[in-house]
Amino acid sequence: MKMTNEYVAGFFDGEGTIIINKNKIRAAATQTNEEVLTLIKDFVKVGSVTKLTKRKEHWKDAWRYN
């Protein structure tokens, strides 16, 4: 997959969220496909991808890009 600015913008438009805590602003996206989040991180050259803890055993593995 070739990453583009348009793809990243569309991805965050559909899957992303903006989090405002006190004086901090953070963009994040949660996904069950770790590869796409890693590709976005490598493309924008900022942030990290972390695995989330499952809250229910039957849920799929999920990752968050911050």
C-alpha atoms as a PDB file:
ATOM      1  CA  MET A   1       0.000   0.000   0.000  1.00  0.00           C
ATOM      2  CA  LYS A   2       1.354   3.415  -0.973  1.00  0.00           C
ATOM      3  CA  MET A   3       0.633   5.951   1.749  1.00  0.00           C
ATOM      4  CA  THR A   4      -0.467   9.470   0.738  1.00  0.00           C
ATOM      5  CA  ASN A   5      -1.566  12.600   2.562  1.00  0.00           C
ATOM      6  CA  GLU A   6      -5.065  12.057   1.188  1.00  0.00           C
ATOM      7  CA  TYR A   7      -5.226   8.496   2.552  1.00  0.00           C
ATOM      8  CA  VAL A   8      -4.071   9.585   6.020  1.00  0.00           C
ATOM      9  CA  ALA A   9      -6.583  12.458   6.058  1.00  0.00           C
ATOM     10  CA  GLY A  10      -9.412  10.142   5.002  1.00  0.00           C
ATOM     11  CA  PHE A  11      -8.387   7.482   7.498  1.00  0.00           C
ATOM     12  CA  PHE A  12      -8.418   9.943  10.391  1.00  0.00           C
ATOM     13  CA  ASP A  13     -11.671  11.453   9.169  1.00  0.00           C
ATOM     14  CA  GLY A  14     -13.315   8.027   9.455  1.00  0.00           C
ATOM     15  CA  GLU A  15     -11.350   6.292  12.231  1.00  0.00           C
ATOM     16  CA  GLY A  16      -9.538   8.982  14.179  1.00  0.00           C
ATOM     17  CA  THR A  17     -10.330  11.085  17.190  1.00  0.00           C
ATOM     18  CA  ILE A  18      -9.010  14.283  18.752  1.00  0.00           C
ATOM     19  CA  ILE A  19      -8.536  14.139  22.525  1.00  0.00           C
ATOM     20  CA  ILE A  20      -8.242  17.323  24.580  1.00  0.00           C
ATOM     21  CA  ASN A  21      -7.019  16.962  28.186  1.00  0.00           C
ATOM     22  CA  LYS A  22      -6.270  20.171  30.060  1.00  0.00           C
ATOM     23  CA  ASN A  23      -3.608  21.854  27.897  1.00  0.00           C
ATOM     24  CA  LYS A  24      -2.775  18.814  25.730  1.00  0.00           C
ATOM     25  CA  ILE A  25      -4.234  17.956  22.348  1.00  0.00           C
ATOM     26  CA  ARG A  26      -3.724  14.452  20.976  1.00  0.00           C
ATOM     27  CA  ALA A  27      -4.802  12.695  17.784  1.00  0.00           C
ATOM     28  CA  ALA A  28      -5.414   8.954  17.993  1.00  0.00           C
ATOM     29  CA  ALA A  29      -6.859   6.080  15.994  1.00  0.00           C
ATOM     30  CA  THR A  30      -7.695   2.574  17.166  1.00  0.00           C
ATOM     31  CA  GLN A  31      -7.704  -0.332  14.743  1.00  0.00           C
ATOM     32  CA  THR A  32      -7.507  -4.137  14.646  1.00  0.00           C
ATOM     33  CA  ASN A  33      -5.059  -3.877  11.728  1.00  0.00           C
ATOM     34  CA  GLU A  34      -1.659  -3.018  13.223  1.00  0.00           C
ATOM     35  CA  GLU A  35      -0.010  -2.797   9.794  1.00  0.00           C
ATOM     36  CA  VAL A  36      -2.033   0.198   8.583  1.00  0.00           C
ATOM     37  CA  LEU A  37      -1.303   2.128  11.783  1.00  0.00           C
ATOM     38  CA  THR A  38       2.419   1.390  11.477  1.00  0.00           C
ATOM     39  CA  LEU A  39       2.391   2.521   7.838  1.00  0.00           C
ATOM     40  CA  ILE A  40       0.737   5.802   8.853  1.00  0.00           C
ATOM     41  CA  LYS A  41       3.245   6.307  11.705  1.00  0.00           C
ATOM     42  CA  ASP A  42       6.165   5.700   9.357  1.00  0.00           C
ATOM     43  CA  PHE A  43       4.671   8.037   6.740  1.00  0.00           C
ATOM     44  CA  VAL A  44       4.055  10.991   9.080  1.00  0.00           C
ATOM     45  CA  LYS A  45       7.278  10.269  11.028  1.00  0.00           C
ATOM     46  CA  VAL A  46       5.733  10.992  14.433  1.00  0.00           C
ATOM     47  CA  GLY A  47       3.819   9.079  17.080  1.00  0.00           C
ATOM     48  CA  SER A  48       3.702   5.508  18.285  1.00  0.00           C
ATOM     49  CA  VAL A  49       1.598   2.367  17.878  1.00  0.00           C
ATOM     50  CA  THR A  50       0.761   0.441  21.041  1.00  0.00           C
ATOM     51  CA  LYS A  51      -1.170  -2.766  21.622  1.00  0.00           C
ATOM     52  CA  LEU A  52      -4.273  -2.361  23.754  1.00  0.00           C
ATOM     53  CA  THR A  53      -5.291  -4.692  26.539  1.00  0.00           C
ATOM     54  CA  LYS A  54      -8.382  -6.724  25.698  1.00  0.00           C
ATOM     55  CA  ARG A  55     -11.289  -5.983  27.998  1.00  0.00           C
ATOM     56  CA  LYS A  56     -13.130  -9.109  26.852  1.00  0.00           C
ATOM     57  CA  GLU A  57     -11.556 -12.431  25.872  1.00  0.00           C
ATOM     58  CA  HIS A  58     -13.537 -12.794  22.638  1.00  0.00           C
ATOM     59  CA  TRP A  59     -12.489  -9.364  21.276  1.00  0.00           C
ATOM     60  CA  LYS A  60      -9.865  -9.146  18.537  1.00  0.00           C
ATOM     61  CA  ASP A  61      -6.421  -7.745  19.275  1.00  0.00           C
ATOM     62  CA  ALA A  62      -6.346  -3.977  18.770  1.00  0.00           C
ATOM     63  CA  TRP A  63      -3.725  -1.246  18.493  1.00  0.00           C
ATOM     64  CA  ARG A  64      -3.789   2.523  18.955  1.00  0.00           C
ATOM     65  CA  TYR A  65      -1.770   5.094  17.060  1.00  0.00           C
ATOM     66  CA  ASN A  66      -1.069   8.277  19.027  1.00  0.00           C
END
